[in-house]
Amino acid sequence: MKTGAGIITNPPQSHRRPGEAHLRGYNVRSVTGFDTRENILTCDGLALGTIAERHGTPTHVYSRRLLSERVTTFDEPFASIRHRVHYALKANSTLAIVRHMRSLGTGADVNSGGEIEVALRAGFAPADMVFTGVGKSPDELRRALDLNVLAINAESFGEIERIAALAGNRPHPARIAIRINPDVEAGSHPHISTGSKAAKFGVSLADAPAMIRDVVQHPALRLVGLHVHIGSQLVTAEPLKRAASAIAGLARDVLAQGVPLEHLDLGGGLGVAYKPDDPTMSPTTYATTIIDEVRSLGLTLLLEPGRWLVAPAGCLLTRVVDLKPKPGGGWFVIVDAGMTDLMRPALYAAFHQIEPIAPRPGDPIRADIVGPVCETTDTLGVGRTLPPVEVGDVLAIRDTGAYGSVMASNYNRRPIAAEVMIEDGEARVIRRRQTVDDMLQWDL
């Protein structure tokens, strides 16, 4: 391995047949999603090297077929109960992704005024949307009320007062679902756990009856549901069961008082395996746990998955730009993607598998894969074992379909990466690479 500029073994593009790239244009039908064939990493049969050659790096790549399969796999175990899957746009709100989710029959879970507008542009009707989130602004609430969305998931007494004030002169009452904080630890990273009493989300079970009375008694408000979401990356059933049991018990009390609830919203949170040996919970176990607690109520069940649907359907392609020996052994593999393209490792010390798209033969190396951003925390992987790499090689960072592109920033004035969807064996650009002119268009 070289310590300076390195070498690029691929011949210039002009010396290749169109689409050949250094992966021989490998494009055959493959298993759905990301798969290695003849030592070449592909997406739905299309060589990732071809995508890197044509569209540059960093680039997010998505498998449309795998997105479809994930929605079906999540939805099917709930077939025995009346339900609706509402895709959580916060996981990935690229317009083409959201449009595809709508085409598959999902609803939308939106967390801001911006996500409301994305959902509308993707073709969702207001009746397809639940509006969640702490700190909804007056303008966001007005927009949700104007649209008459399926439900505004209200988080506090103060929010109920603000909604009531805004809804007073409208032709229809505001449709409210109260978000309950059941004080259940999700067992995941503290930054993505939302169901404990220390979290900012929802109202306690003790305060919920008073809030329910406020909504039921106000002529401008209509209580349509109860909502709970205890956090992301759930991999065991016990926290989910406790949360479902808590909200089901509250719903029974509300129904016994003659309040005609329409739905229970159990949120999302089903976890994915970022490492091969990570614990996971199957969609069937997830569904069975919830259904066992709520079936007897006879209410429509709403679900808000995000990460589980989209994370494995995406990867981030990045090119090696430099190699530096580490004091004491090993290497810094410096790539052109960083925390501005994938925030999770810097934000949560999150793990993503990283691999060359066409591994070289030779002895493995020990490396930290780091980005170009002027921050020590701009580290994508620490102490990883990789095949030998050279400058110019392309690496794939796996499972970035959720909380990848959607968390991107322009820190260091870095343009937002391109995004590509693999559809019927072809790579379609669904978000072009941002330019410096794009970034500066608002500067005066």
Protein backbone atom coordinates (compact mmCIF):
# COMPACT_ATOMS: atom_id res chain seq x y z
CA MET A 1 0.00 0.00 0.00
CA LYS A 2 1.26 3.45 -0.88
CA THR A 3 1.30 6.31 1.64
CA GLY A 4 1.18 9.20 -0.83
CA ALA A 5 -1.05 9.73 -3.79
CA GLY A 6 -1.63 6.01 -4.24
CA ILE A 7 -2.49 4.44 -7.56
CA ILE A 8 -5.61 4.09 -9.62
CA THR A 9 -5.56 0.84 -11.52
CA ASN A 10 -8.69 1.51 -13.58
CA PRO A 11 -8.01 2.55 -17.18
CA PRO A 12 -9.38 5.95 -18.28
CA GLN A 13 -13.07 5.97 -19.19
CA SER A 14 -12.22 6.68 -22.83
CA HIS A 15 -10.45 3.30 -23.03
CA ARG A 16 -13.55 1.37 -22.00
CA ARG A 17 -16.68 0.29 -23.73
CA PRO A 18 -19.75 2.31 -22.60
CA GLY A 19 -20.96 1.09 -19.22
CA GLU A 20 -18.02 -1.27 -18.83
CA ALA A 21 -16.22 0.62 -16.04
CA HIS A 22 -13.72 -1.41 -14.08
CA LEU A 23 -16.43 -3.90 -13.09
CA ARG A 24 -16.99 -5.06 -16.65
CA GLY A 25 -20.47 -3.52 -16.77
CA TYR A 26 -21.76 -6.45 -14.70
CA ASN A 27 -25.51 -6.16 -14.97
CA VAL A 28 -27.53 -9.34 -14.52
CA ARG A 29 -30.60 -10.11 -12.49
CA SER A 30 -29.58 -10.67 -8.93
CA VAL A 31 -31.16 -11.19 -5.58
CA THR A 32 -33.07 -8.09 -4.58
CA GLY A 33 -30.91 -5.40 -3.01
CA PHE A 34 -27.17 -5.44 -2.46
CA ASP A 35 -25.38 -8.63 -3.44
CA THR A 36 -21.85 -9.76 -4.29
CA ARG A 37 -21.40 -11.59 -7.58
CA GLU A 38 -17.98 -12.73 -8.77
CA ASN A 39 -16.37 -10.51 -6.12
CA ILE A 40 -18.31 -7.48 -7.37
CA LEU A 41 -20.85 -5.61 -5.23
CA THR A 42 -24.10 -4.97 -7.10
CA CYS A 43 -27.49 -3.41 -6.47
CA ASP A 44 -30.34 -5.29 -8.11
CA GLY A 45 -27.80 -6.72 -10.52
CA LEU A 46 -26.17 -3.42 -11.49
CA ALA A 47 -22.49 -3.04 -10.58
CA LEU A 48 -21.96 -0.25 -8.08
CA GLY A 49 -18.73 0.64 -9.84
CA THR A 50 -20.72 1.57 -12.93
CA ILE A 51 -22.79 3.95 -10.82
CA ALA A 52 -19.70 5.54 -9.26
CA GLU A 53 -18.16 6.03 -12.71
CA ARG A 54 -21.25 7.62 -14.20
CA HIS A 55 -22.51 9.66 -11.27
CA GLY A 56 -19.44 10.33 -9.16
CA THR A 57 -19.02 10.11 -5.41
CA PRO A 58 -20.31 10.53 -2.79
CA THR A 59 -23.59 9.10 -4.07
CA HIS A 60 -26.47 7.46 -2.25
CA VAL A 61 -27.81 4.39 -4.06
CA TYR A 62 -31.21 2.80 -3.39
CA SER A 63 -32.84 -0.46 -4.46
CA ARG A 64 -36.42 0.18 -5.51
CA ARG A 65 -37.17 -3.55 -5.47
CA LEU A 66 -35.92 -3.91 -1.92
CA LEU A 67 -37.98 -0.93 -0.76
CA SER A 68 -41.06 -2.67 -2.16
CA GLU A 69 -40.18 -5.98 -0.52
CA ARG A 70 -39.59 -4.35 2.85
CA VAL A 71 -43.01 -2.68 2.83
CA THR A 72 -44.73 -5.97 1.98
CA THR A 73 -42.74 -7.91 4.57
CA PHE A 74 -43.60 -5.39 7.29
CA ASP A 75 -47.27 -5.15 6.37
CA GLU A 76 -48.20 -8.81 5.94
CA PRO A 77 -48.01 -9.90 9.62
CA PHE A 78 -50.68 -7.32 10.47
CA ALA A 79 -53.19 -8.79 7.99
CA SER A 80 -55.45 -10.14 10.74
CA ILE A 81 -56.30 -6.69 12.10
CA ARG A 82 -57.57 -3.47 10.51
CA HIS A 83 -54.47 -1.35 10.13
CA ARG A 84 -52.56 1.19 8.05
CA VAL A 85 -48.82 1.60 7.63
CA HIS A 86 -47.75 5.26 7.66
CA TYR A 87 -44.21 5.67 6.34
CA ALA A 88 -42.14 7.92 8.63
CA LEU A 89 -40.68 10.56 6.32
CA LYS A 90 -38.04 11.53 8.88
CA ALA A 91 -36.11 8.37 7.92
CA ASN A 92 -35.73 9.46 4.29
CA SER A 93 -37.74 12.25 2.69
CA THR A 94 -36.19 12.28 -0.78
CA LEU A 95 -39.19 12.92 -3.00
CA ALA A 96 -38.76 9.81 -5.18
CA ILE A 97 -38.59 7.59 -2.08
CA VAL A 98 -41.74 9.15 -0.66
CA ARG A 99 -43.54 8.83 -4.00
CA HIS A 100 -42.63 5.16 -4.14
CA MET A 101 -43.98 4.61 -0.62
CA ARG A 102 -47.26 6.21 -1.65
CA SER A 103 -47.41 3.99 -4.74
CA LEU A 104 -47.14 0.98 -2.42
CA GLY A 105 -50.23 2.09 -0.50
CA THR A 106 -48.70 3.50 2.67
CA GLY A 107 -49.82 6.59 4.49
CA ALA A 108 -47.39 9.24 5.73
CA ASP A 109 -46.08 10.13 9.18
CA VAL A 110 -44.84 13.73 9.00
CA ASN A 111 -42.83 15.64 11.61
CA SER A 112 -42.69 19.18 10.25
CA GLY A 113 -44.31 21.61 7.87
CA GLY A 114 -41.63 20.74 5.33
CA GLU A 115 -42.48 17.05 5.51
CA ILE A 116 -46.16 17.90 5.06
CA GLU A 117 -45.31 19.67 1.80
CA VAL A 118 -43.10 16.78 0.63
CA ALA A 119 -45.93 14.33 1.33
CA LEU A 120 -48.38 16.48 -0.63
CA ARG A 121 -46.00 16.72 -3.58
CA ALA A 122 -45.54 12.97 -3.45
CA GLY A 123 -49.28 12.56 -3.90
CA PHE A 124 -50.47 11.83 -0.37
CA ALA A 125 -53.88 13.19 0.53
CA PRO A 126 -54.28 14.98 3.88
CA ALA A 127 -56.36 12.02 5.08
CA ASP A 128 -53.23 9.89 4.59
CA MET A 129 -51.15 11.96 7.05
CA VAL A 130 -50.52 11.91 10.76
CA PHE A 131 -48.64 14.97 12.02
CA THR A 132 -46.23 14.15 14.83
CA GLY A 133 -43.53 16.12 16.58
CA VAL A 134 -42.63 18.24 19.58
CA GLY A 135 -42.73 22.01 19.11
CA LYS A 136 -45.08 22.39 16.15
CA SER A 137 -45.11 26.05 15.18
CA PRO A 138 -48.33 28.06 14.76
CA ASP A 139 -47.79 28.13 10.99
CA GLU A 140 -47.33 24.35 10.90
CA LEU A 141 -50.48 23.83 12.95
CA ARG A 142 -52.46 26.18 10.70
CA ARG A 143 -51.33 24.25 7.66
CA ALA A 144 -52.32 20.91 9.21
CA LEU A 145 -55.70 22.34 10.22
CA ASP A 146 -56.31 23.86 6.78
CA LEU A 147 -55.62 20.48 5.22
CA ASN A 148 -57.65 18.58 7.86
CA VAL A 149 -55.03 15.86 8.22
CA LEU A 150 -56.01 12.47 9.61
CA ALA A 151 -54.61 13.33 13.04
CA ILE A 152 -52.42 15.84 14.81
CA ASN A 153 -50.53 13.89 17.46
CA ALA A 154 -50.67 16.41 20.31
CA GLU A 155 -47.77 16.44 22.77
CA SER A 156 -48.82 18.73 25.63
CA PHE A 157 -51.57 20.74 27.31
CA GLY A 158 -50.10 23.89 25.80
CA GLU A 159 -50.27 22.43 22.32
CA ILE A 160 -53.90 21.50 22.84
CA GLU A 161 -54.63 25.12 23.80
CA ARG A 162 -52.85 26.44 20.72
CA ILE A 163 -54.66 24.02 18.40
CA ALA A 164 -58.02 24.92 19.95
CA ALA A 165 -57.34 28.64 19.48
CA LEU A 166 -56.42 28.13 15.83
CA ALA A 167 -59.30 25.74 15.13
CA GLY A 168 -62.09 27.84 16.61
CA ASN A 169 -63.45 29.40 13.42
CA ARG A 170 -63.01 26.46 11.09
CA PRO A 171 -65.80 24.40 9.50
CA HIS A 172 -64.52 21.15 11.00
CA PRO A 173 -63.07 20.28 14.40
CA ALA A 174 -59.36 19.57 14.67
CA ARG A 175 -58.67 15.85 14.64
CA ILE A 176 -56.50 15.12 17.67
CA ALA A 177 -54.61 12.06 18.84
CA ILE A 178 -52.89 12.41 22.19
CA ARG A 179 -49.30 11.22 22.42
CA ILE A 180 -48.71 9.20 25.55
CA ASN A 181 -45.33 8.86 27.22
CA PRO A 182 -45.62 5.46 28.95
CA ASP A 183 -42.24 5.72 30.74
CA VAL A 184 -40.91 2.64 28.96
CA GLU A 185 -37.22 2.42 28.12
CA ALA A 186 -36.75 1.23 24.54
CA GLY A 187 -33.39 -0.39 25.28
CA SER A 188 -31.72 1.42 22.38
CA HIS A 189 -29.27 4.33 22.21
CA PRO A 190 -30.41 7.12 24.59
CA HIS A 191 -30.46 9.64 21.73
CA ILE A 192 -33.17 7.66 19.91
CA SER A 193 -35.21 6.56 22.94
CA THR A 194 -38.39 8.62 23.28
CA GLY A 195 -40.63 6.75 25.72
CA SER A 196 -39.02 7.39 29.12
CA LYS A 197 -40.30 10.01 31.54
CA ALA A 198 -37.04 11.94 31.06
CA ALA A 199 -37.76 12.41 27.33
CA LYS A 200 -39.43 15.50 25.88
CA PHE A 201 -42.15 13.53 24.09
CA GLY A 202 -45.81 13.17 25.01
CA VAL A 203 -47.74 13.34 28.27
CA SER A 204 -47.58 10.88 31.14
CA LEU A 205 -50.21 8.25 31.77
CA ALA A 206 -51.08 10.15 34.94
CA ASP A 207 -51.74 13.39 33.03
CA ALA A 208 -53.43 11.78 30.04
CA PRO A 209 -57.00 11.58 31.51
CA ALA A 210 -57.06 15.34 32.15
CA MET A 211 -55.78 16.06 28.65
CA ILE A 212 -58.37 13.71 27.17
CA ARG A 213 -61.12 15.56 29.07
CA ASP A 214 -59.86 18.89 27.73
CA VAL A 215 -60.04 17.63 24.16
CA VAL A 216 -63.41 15.89 24.49
CA GLN A 217 -65.05 18.92 26.10
CA HIS A 218 -63.80 21.46 23.55
CA PRO A 219 -66.15 22.04 20.61
CA ALA A 220 -63.29 22.84 18.20
CA LEU A 221 -61.49 19.58 18.92
CA ARG A 222 -62.26 15.94 18.18
CA LEU A 223 -60.38 13.11 19.87
CA VAL A 224 -59.76 10.45 17.22
CA GLY A 225 -56.91 8.43 18.66
CA LEU A 226 -54.10 7.74 21.09
CA HIS A 227 -50.47 7.61 20.07
CA VAL A 228 -47.31 6.12 21.54
CA HIS A 229 -43.80 5.77 20.17
CA ILE A 230 -41.07 4.71 22.58
CA GLY A 231 -38.07 5.03 20.28
CA SER A 232 -36.09 3.59 17.43
CA GLN A 233 -34.06 0.40 17.01
CA LEU A 234 -36.35 -1.86 19.04
CA VAL A 235 -34.87 -5.37 18.98
CA THR A 236 -36.77 -7.05 21.84
CA ALA A 237 -40.50 -7.42 22.35
CA GLU A 238 -40.75 -6.61 26.05
CA PRO A 239 -40.60 -2.76 25.83
CA LEU A 240 -43.02 -2.82 22.92
CA LYS A 241 -45.41 -5.06 24.82
CA ARG A 242 -45.36 -2.75 27.85
CA ALA A 243 -46.04 0.32 25.73
CA ALA A 244 -48.83 -1.39 23.79
CA SER A 245 -50.40 -2.66 27.00
CA ALA A 246 -50.30 0.81 28.54
CA ILE A 247 -51.99 2.56 25.63
CA ALA A 248 -54.52 -0.27 25.22
CA GLY A 249 -55.50 0.06 28.87
CA LEU A 250 -55.98 3.79 28.49
CA ALA A 251 -58.01 3.26 25.32
CA ARG A 252 -60.34 0.87 27.16
CA ASP A 253 -61.00 3.51 29.78
CA VAL A 254 -61.69 6.14 27.12
CA LEU A 255 -64.06 3.86 25.18
CA ALA A 256 -65.86 2.94 28.40
CA GLN A 257 -66.62 6.65 28.86
CA GLY A 258 -68.39 6.66 25.51
CA VAL A 259 -65.68 8.52 23.57
CA PRO A 260 -65.68 7.10 20.01
CA LEU A 261 -61.97 6.65 19.27
CA GLU A 262 -61.06 5.74 15.70
CA HIS A 263 -57.51 4.47 16.01
CA LEU A 264 -54.52 3.56 18.11
CA ASP A 265 -51.14 4.69 16.75
CA LEU A 266 -48.33 2.44 17.99
CA GLY A 267 -45.57 4.38 16.25
CA GLY A 268 -42.63 2.58 14.70
CA GLY A 269 -39.17 1.67 15.88
CA LEU A 270 -38.52 -1.84 14.58
CA GLY A 271 -34.74 -2.19 14.53
CA VAL A 272 -32.35 -3.34 11.81
CA ALA A 273 -29.08 -5.27 12.07
CA TYR A 274 -26.20 -2.96 11.18
CA LYS A 275 -23.77 -5.75 12.10
CA PRO A 276 -24.29 -9.39 11.05
CA ASP A 277 -24.51 -10.50 14.67
CA ASP A 278 -26.76 -7.68 15.90
CA PRO A 279 -29.91 -8.86 17.70
CA THR A 280 -33.09 -8.30 15.74
CA MET A 281 -36.84 -8.74 16.12
CA SER A 282 -38.77 -10.03 13.14
CA PRO A 283 -41.77 -8.16 11.74
CA THR A 284 -43.89 -11.17 12.72
CA THR A 285 -42.82 -10.96 16.37
CA TYR A 286 -43.27 -7.19 16.27
CA ALA A 287 -46.79 -7.54 14.87
CA THR A 288 -47.84 -10.37 17.16
CA THR A 289 -46.69 -8.44 20.24
CA ILE A 290 -48.80 -5.43 19.29
CA ILE A 291 -51.84 -7.31 18.03
CA ASP A 292 -52.09 -9.44 21.17
CA GLU A 293 -52.44 -6.27 23.25
CA VAL A 294 -54.85 -4.26 21.08
CA ARG A 295 -57.00 -6.66 19.05
CA SER A 296 -59.91 -6.74 21.49
CA LEU A 297 -60.40 -2.95 21.21
CA GLY A 298 -61.68 -3.16 17.64
CA LEU A 299 -59.85 0.06 16.66
CA THR A 300 -57.84 0.68 13.52
CA LEU A 301 -54.14 0.24 14.22
CA LEU A 302 -51.73 2.81 12.79
CA LEU A 303 -48.01 2.05 12.46
CA GLU A 304 -45.17 4.44 11.63
CA PRO A 305 -42.14 2.46 10.42
CA GLY A 306 -39.23 4.28 8.83
CA ARG A 307 -35.78 2.87 9.45
CA TRP A 308 -36.78 -0.78 8.99
CA LEU A 309 -38.29 -0.06 5.58
CA VAL A 310 -35.50 2.00 4.05
CA ALA A 311 -32.18 1.49 5.87
CA PRO A 312 -31.07 -1.77 4.15
CA ALA A 313 -32.31 -0.49 0.80
CA GLY A 314 -29.62 2.17 0.58
CA CYS A 315 -25.85 2.48 0.55
CA LEU A 316 -23.42 5.39 0.25
CA LEU A 317 -20.66 5.17 -2.35
CA THR A 318 -17.45 7.01 -1.51
CA ARG A 319 -14.00 7.13 -3.11
CA VAL A 320 -10.64 6.84 -1.33
CA VAL A 321 -8.77 10.13 -1.69
CA ASP A 322 -5.74 9.53 0.56
CA LEU A 323 -4.00 6.95 2.74
CA LYS A 324 -2.00 7.79 5.84
CA PRO A 325 -0.19 5.45 8.21
CA LYS A 326 -1.38 5.66 11.82
CA PRO A 327 1.18 6.00 14.57
CA GLY A 328 1.45 2.60 16.20
CA GLY A 329 0.16 0.73 13.17
CA GLY A 330 -2.76 0.64 10.82
CA TRP A 331 -4.03 3.25 8.39
CA PHE A 332 -6.24 6.24 7.97
CA VAL A 333 -8.31 5.59 4.85
CA ILE A 334 -9.52 9.07 3.90
CA VAL A 335 -12.61 9.17 1.70
CA ASP A 336 -14.64 11.87 -0.02
CA ALA A 337 -17.78 11.24 2.07
CA GLY A 338 -18.00 12.50 5.61
CA MET A 339 -20.28 13.48 8.43
CA THR A 340 -22.00 15.93 6.06
CA ASP A 341 -23.19 12.92 4.03
CA LEU A 342 -23.72 10.42 6.87
CA MET A 343 -24.15 11.94 10.32
CA ARG A 344 -24.98 8.81 12.32
CA PRO A 345 -21.42 7.68 13.18
CA ALA A 346 -20.52 11.16 14.46
CA LEU A 347 -23.85 11.67 16.22
CA TYR A 348 -24.38 8.25 17.83
CA ALA A 349 -21.07 6.43 17.26
CA ALA A 350 -23.28 4.31 15.00
CA PHE A 351 -21.84 1.34 13.12
CA HIS A 352 -22.19 0.85 9.36
CA GLN A 353 -20.46 -1.91 7.45
CA ILE A 354 -17.89 -0.54 5.02
CA GLU A 355 -16.44 -2.57 2.16
CA PRO A 356 -14.74 -2.09 -1.21
CA ILE A 357 -17.10 -2.58 -4.14
CA ALA A 358 -14.41 -4.69 -5.85
CA PRO A 359 -12.00 -6.03 -3.20
CA ARG A 360 -8.33 -6.33 -4.12
CA PRO A 361 -6.42 -9.52 -3.32
CA GLY A 362 -3.83 -9.38 -0.59
CA ASP A 363 -3.40 -9.27 3.15
CA PRO A 364 -6.11 -7.37 5.05
CA ILE A 365 -5.35 -4.07 6.71
CA ARG A 366 -6.54 -2.41 9.89
CA ALA A 367 -7.96 1.03 9.22
CA ASP A 368 -9.99 3.96 10.43
CA ILE A 369 -12.19 5.21 7.60
CA VAL A 370 -12.40 8.98 7.96
CA GLY A 371 -13.91 11.84 6.00
CA PRO A 372 -12.60 15.18 4.77
CA VAL A 373 -14.54 17.43 7.17
CA CYS A 374 -12.45 19.54 9.53
CA GLU A 375 -13.58 17.71 12.68
CA THR A 376 -11.99 14.77 14.47
CA THR A 377 -15.48 13.32 14.90
CA ASP A 378 -15.71 13.03 11.11
CA THR A 379 -15.02 9.32 11.35
CA LEU A 380 -17.13 6.74 9.52
CA GLY A 381 -15.55 3.57 10.92
CA VAL A 382 -12.88 2.84 13.54
CA GLY A 383 -10.57 -0.17 13.68
CA ARG A 384 -12.08 -1.86 10.64
CA THR A 385 -10.50 -4.79 8.81
CA LEU A 386 -10.46 -4.19 5.06
CA PRO A 387 -8.87 -5.77 2.00
CA PRO A 388 -5.96 -3.66 0.76
CA VAL A 389 -7.14 -0.40 -0.81
CA GLU A 390 -5.59 2.26 -2.98
CA VAL A 391 -6.45 5.86 -3.76
CA GLY A 392 -9.29 5.89 -6.28
CA ASP A 393 -10.95 2.73 -4.96
CA VAL A 394 -14.66 2.99 -4.22
CA LEU A 395 -16.09 1.86 -0.88
CA ALA A 396 -19.72 1.12 -0.06
CA ILE A 397 -21.11 2.17 3.31
CA ARG A 398 -24.07 -0.10 3.91
CA ASP A 399 -27.56 0.38 5.37
CA THR A 400 -27.65 4.15 4.85
CA GLY A 401 -31.15 4.34 3.38
CA ALA A 402 -32.43 5.70 6.71
CA TYR A 403 -30.96 8.79 8.37
CA GLY A 404 -28.33 9.14 5.67
CA SER A 405 -29.19 11.72 3.04
CA VAL A 406 -31.97 13.19 5.18
CA MET A 407 -29.44 14.36 7.82
CA ALA A 408 -26.99 15.85 5.32
CA SER A 409 -25.56 19.34 5.81
CA ASN A 410 -23.43 21.91 4.00
CA TYR A 411 -20.85 22.19 6.78
CA ASN A 412 -17.48 23.22 5.31
CA ARG A 413 -19.62 24.34 2.34
CA ARG A 414 -19.74 20.78 1.09
CA PRO A 415 -22.39 20.11 -1.59
CA ILE A 416 -25.11 17.59 -0.84
CA ALA A 417 -24.44 14.20 -2.46
CA ALA A 418 -26.31 12.85 -5.45
CA GLU A 419 -28.96 10.15 -5.03
CA VAL A 420 -29.69 7.33 -7.46
CA MET A 421 -32.49 4.75 -7.56
CA ILE A 422 -31.99 1.38 -9.26
CA GLU A 423 -35.11 0.65 -11.29
CA ASP A 424 -35.40 -2.23 -13.75
CA GLY A 425 -31.64 -2.57 -14.04
CA GLU A 426 -31.03 1.13 -14.65
CA ALA A 427 -29.71 3.84 -12.35
CA ARG A 428 -32.04 6.85 -12.28
CA VAL A 429 -30.87 10.08 -10.66
CA ILE A 430 -33.55 11.05 -8.14
CA ARG A 431 -31.63 13.96 -6.62
CA ARG A 432 -28.87 15.66 -8.56
CA ARG A 433 -25.62 16.57 -6.87
CA GLN A 434 -25.80 20.01 -5.32
CA THR A 435 -23.50 22.73 -6.63
CA VAL A 436 -21.86 25.65 -4.89
CA ASP A 437 -24.24 27.92 -6.81
CA ASP A 438 -27.15 25.96 -5.30
CA MET A 439 -25.74 26.55 -1.83
CA LEU A 440 -25.16 30.26 -2.35
CA GLN A 441 -28.47 31.13 -4.01
CA TRP A 442 -29.94 32.38 -0.72
CA ASP A 443 -26.86 34.38 0.37
CA LEU A 444 -27.13 38.15 -0.06
